[in-house]
């Protein structure tokens, strides 16, 4: 007689805001290793969940930011993470996101990413994503801010469009790329970088 472990089903659809300390484009997406000066990966990543569910818990409309500090490449682990959610996020929603983001329920990308860091804190603050396209500002009130912009043509100063398409990407498959600046301090993690990687993407994640 065989038994099948039943996992809570989840799915998240929405928009992702990825700021990190790599050079623009982020080498992690191509060969798995950061292109930051010291070989670390330090990131402030926002998720605006437009449609989402984990079991019977509705996650639609939830905003969350992950602040993560990996000392080396992501797959080498030993990262520390703080998650920021809005004050009106319910306990059930937080519990569901915790299980998803730490990889307990499997599914890409968090079934992989969740094994590479330890969660060292949870903070609550109003979160906003303001702007149009790559010209966007992400704010966690009282904790930090990230500002993105397009690349600029070095001769004319006009916006220079750049996209990365990764057919086998497990976090995103098409990203709009620009240049970003972010500073954040939360629960003992303090990050601050200027003119580094910034990628805007749509996500559709699940463990189905």
Protein backbone atom coordinates (compact mmCIF):
# COMPACT_ATOMS: atom_id res chain seq x y z
CA UNK A 1 0.00 0.00 0.00
CA UNK A 2 1.38 3.43 -0.92
CA UNK A 3 0.57 6.77 0.55
CA UNK A 4 0.85 10.19 -1.03
CA UNK A 5 1.82 13.21 1.03
CA UNK A 6 -0.75 15.94 0.64
CA UNK A 7 0.66 19.43 0.28
CA UNK A 8 -1.33 22.63 0.46
CA UNK A 9 -1.68 23.98 -3.06
CA UNK A 10 -0.66 27.56 -3.70
CA UNK A 11 -0.40 29.95 -6.63
CA UNK A 12 0.76 33.57 -6.84
CA UNK A 13 0.42 35.86 -9.84
CA UNK A 14 1.64 39.41 -9.88
CA UNK A 15 4.49 41.82 -10.44
CA UNK A 16 8.04 41.51 -9.12
CA UNK A 17 10.49 44.30 -8.33
CA UNK A 18 14.07 43.02 -8.08
CA UNK A 19 16.87 45.28 -6.84
CA UNK A 20 20.27 43.78 -6.03
CA UNK A 21 23.95 44.67 -5.77
CA UNK A 22 24.97 42.94 -9.02
CA UNK A 23 25.99 44.88 -12.09
CA UNK A 24 22.92 45.63 -14.22
CA UNK A 25 21.57 42.45 -15.80
CA UNK A 26 22.61 40.32 -12.79
CA UNK A 27 25.05 37.50 -13.55
CA UNK A 28 23.11 35.15 -11.28
CA UNK A 29 20.53 34.87 -14.06
CA UNK A 30 23.12 33.61 -16.55
CA UNK A 31 25.88 31.63 -14.86
CA UNK A 32 24.72 31.41 -11.26
CA UNK A 33 27.27 33.76 -9.70
CA UNK A 34 26.91 37.41 -8.67
CA UNK A 35 28.66 40.20 -10.55
CA UNK A 36 28.95 42.36 -7.44
CA UNK A 37 32.43 43.61 -6.48
CA UNK A 38 32.72 41.24 -3.50
CA UNK A 39 30.85 38.26 -4.98
CA UNK A 40 27.92 38.59 -2.58
CA UNK A 41 24.22 38.79 -3.39
CA UNK A 42 22.30 41.42 -1.47
CA UNK A 43 18.76 42.17 -2.56
CA UNK A 44 15.55 44.04 -1.88
CA UNK A 45 12.77 42.30 -3.79
CA UNK A 46 9.12 43.32 -3.84
CA UNK A 47 6.12 41.15 -4.68
CA UNK A 48 2.76 42.70 -5.49
CA UNK A 49 0.45 39.70 -5.52
CA UNK A 50 -2.45 40.52 -7.82
CA UNK A 51 -4.02 37.06 -7.63
CA UNK A 52 -3.07 34.51 -5.04
CA UNK A 53 -4.25 31.64 -2.91
CA UNK A 54 -2.73 29.14 -0.50
CA UNK A 55 -5.22 26.46 0.35
CA UNK A 56 -8.29 28.39 1.51
CA UNK A 57 -6.35 31.58 2.28
CA UNK A 58 -6.82 34.42 -0.20
CA UNK A 59 -3.56 36.26 -0.90
CA UNK A 60 -4.86 38.57 -3.64
CA UNK A 61 -3.70 42.15 -3.15
CA UNK A 62 -0.98 41.33 -0.65
CA UNK A 63 2.30 43.27 -0.90
CA UNK A 64 5.53 41.87 0.49
CA UNK A 65 9.22 42.76 0.38
CA UNK A 66 12.11 40.38 0.97
CA UNK A 67 15.41 41.83 2.18
CA UNK A 68 18.05 39.14 1.72
CA UNK A 69 21.80 39.08 2.33
CA UNK A 70 23.72 36.15 0.87
CA UNK A 71 27.50 36.24 1.55
CA UNK A 72 28.27 34.53 -1.75
CA UNK A 73 26.22 33.07 -4.61
CA UNK A 74 22.60 32.27 -3.82
CA UNK A 75 23.04 28.53 -4.33
CA UNK A 76 25.90 28.50 -1.80
CA UNK A 77 23.40 29.42 0.91
CA UNK A 78 24.00 30.93 4.36
CA UNK A 79 21.74 33.89 3.57
CA UNK A 80 19.78 35.94 6.07
CA UNK A 81 16.33 37.27 5.23
CA UNK A 82 13.84 39.74 6.63
CA UNK A 83 10.33 39.92 5.22
CA UNK A 84 8.23 43.07 5.30
CA UNK A 85 4.44 42.95 4.95
CA UNK A 86 1.74 45.57 5.36
CA UNK A 87 0.15 46.10 8.79
CA UNK A 88 -3.25 44.82 7.67
CA UNK A 89 -1.87 41.50 6.45
CA UNK A 90 -3.72 38.85 8.46
CA UNK A 91 -2.10 36.16 10.58
CA UNK A 92 -3.40 33.51 8.17
CA UNK A 93 -1.88 35.33 5.20
CA UNK A 94 1.45 35.70 7.00
CA UNK A 95 1.47 32.02 7.92
CA UNK A 96 0.76 31.05 4.30
CA UNK A 97 3.43 33.36 2.90
CA UNK A 98 5.90 32.03 5.46
CA UNK A 99 5.34 28.48 4.25
CA UNK A 100 5.61 29.52 0.60
CA UNK A 101 8.66 31.78 0.91
CA UNK A 102 10.64 29.32 3.01
CA UNK A 103 10.00 26.50 0.56
CA UNK A 104 7.97 24.31 2.92
CA UNK A 105 5.27 23.77 0.29
CA UNK A 106 7.61 23.28 -2.66
CA UNK A 107 7.12 24.87 -6.06
CA UNK A 108 9.32 27.27 -8.00
CA UNK A 109 10.99 29.51 -7.18
CA UNK A 110 10.66 29.34 -3.41
CA UNK A 111 11.13 25.60 -3.12
CA UNK A 112 14.70 26.36 -4.22
CA UNK A 113 15.30 29.85 -2.81
CA UNK A 114 13.78 29.03 0.58
CA UNK A 115 16.55 26.53 1.31
CA UNK A 116 19.29 29.15 0.88
CA UNK A 117 18.49 31.55 3.72
CA UNK A 118 17.41 31.79 7.35
CA UNK A 119 14.55 34.14 8.18
CA UNK A 120 15.82 36.46 10.92
CA UNK A 121 12.88 38.84 11.18
CA UNK A 122 9.43 40.01 10.15
CA UNK A 123 8.52 43.69 9.93
CA UNK A 124 5.26 45.46 9.17
CA UNK A 125 4.98 48.73 7.27
CA UNK A 126 2.93 50.37 4.53
CA UNK A 127 4.35 49.28 1.16
CA UNK A 128 3.97 51.19 -2.08
CA UNK A 129 4.96 50.68 -5.71
CA UNK A 130 4.70 54.00 -7.51
CA UNK A 131 5.59 55.01 -11.04
CA UNK A 132 5.36 53.70 -14.56
CA UNK A 133 7.34 50.75 -15.87
CA UNK A 134 11.03 50.90 -15.04
CA UNK A 135 10.65 54.37 -13.59
CA UNK A 136 9.31 53.00 -10.33
CA UNK A 137 9.86 53.66 -6.64
CA UNK A 138 9.28 50.92 -4.07
CA UNK A 139 8.91 52.01 -0.46
CA UNK A 140 8.57 50.23 2.86
CA UNK A 141 7.67 53.14 5.12
CA UNK A 142 10.23 53.60 7.89
CA UNK A 143 12.48 50.82 6.59
CA UNK A 144 13.71 51.54 3.10
CA UNK A 145 13.27 52.66 -0.45
CA UNK A 146 14.32 51.50 -3.91
CA UNK A 147 14.26 53.67 -7.01
CA UNK A 148 14.50 52.28 -10.54
CA UNK A 149 15.07 53.93 -13.88
CA UNK A 150 15.71 53.00 -17.49
CA UNK A 151 19.16 52.74 -18.98
CA UNK A 152 20.16 55.91 -20.81
CA UNK A 153 21.72 56.24 -24.24
CA UNK A 154 25.21 57.61 -23.46
CA UNK A 155 25.11 59.95 -26.47
CA UNK A 156 21.54 61.27 -26.52
CA UNK A 157 20.45 60.64 -22.92
CA UNK A 158 17.24 59.05 -24.19
CA UNK A 159 15.84 55.93 -22.46
CA UNK A 160 17.50 52.75 -23.71
CA UNK A 161 15.23 49.71 -23.58
CA UNK A 162 16.69 46.37 -22.50
CA UNK A 163 14.96 43.05 -21.82
CA UNK A 164 16.18 39.63 -20.78
CA UNK A 165 14.25 36.54 -21.88
CA UNK A 166 14.98 33.30 -20.02
CA UNK A 167 12.77 30.49 -21.36
CA UNK A 168 13.91 28.22 -18.51
CA UNK A 169 13.98 30.91 -15.84
CA UNK A 170 12.51 29.68 -12.56
CA UNK A 171 11.91 33.12 -11.00
CA UNK A 172 10.88 34.98 -14.14
CA UNK A 173 11.06 34.35 -17.87
CA UNK A 174 11.00 37.92 -19.19
CA UNK A 175 12.45 40.87 -17.33
CA UNK A 176 12.63 44.57 -18.17
CA UNK A 177 16.09 45.73 -17.11
CA UNK A 178 17.30 49.07 -15.86
CA UNK A 179 19.45 50.63 -13.21
CA UNK A 180 18.45 51.02 -9.59
CA UNK A 181 19.40 52.38 -6.20
CA UNK A 182 18.18 51.01 -2.88
CA UNK A 183 18.68 51.50 0.83
CA UNK A 184 16.95 49.44 3.50
CA UNK A 185 17.47 48.64 7.17
CA UNK A 186 15.21 46.10 8.90
CA UNK A 187 15.62 43.75 11.84
CA UNK A 188 19.42 43.92 11.81
CA UNK A 189 19.92 43.80 8.03
CA UNK A 190 21.26 46.98 6.46
CA UNK A 191 21.79 47.25 2.69
CA UNK A 192 22.55 50.20 0.48
CA UNK A 193 23.67 50.31 -3.16
CA UNK A 194 23.67 52.83 -6.00
CA UNK A 195 23.42 52.30 -9.75
CA UNK A 196 23.14 48.52 -9.62
CA UNK A 197 20.80 45.87 -11.01
CA UNK A 198 17.07 46.52 -11.30
CA UNK A 199 14.62 44.15 -13.02
CA UNK A 200 10.84 44.43 -13.35
CA UNK A 201 8.89 41.29 -14.20
CA UNK A 202 5.57 39.52 -14.02
CA UNK A 203 5.41 36.26 -12.10
CA UNK A 204 3.16 33.21 -12.10
CA UNK A 205 4.38 30.82 -9.39
CA UNK A 206 2.80 27.69 -7.96
CA UNK A 207 3.43 24.20 -6.62
CA UNK A 208 0.93 22.63 -9.02
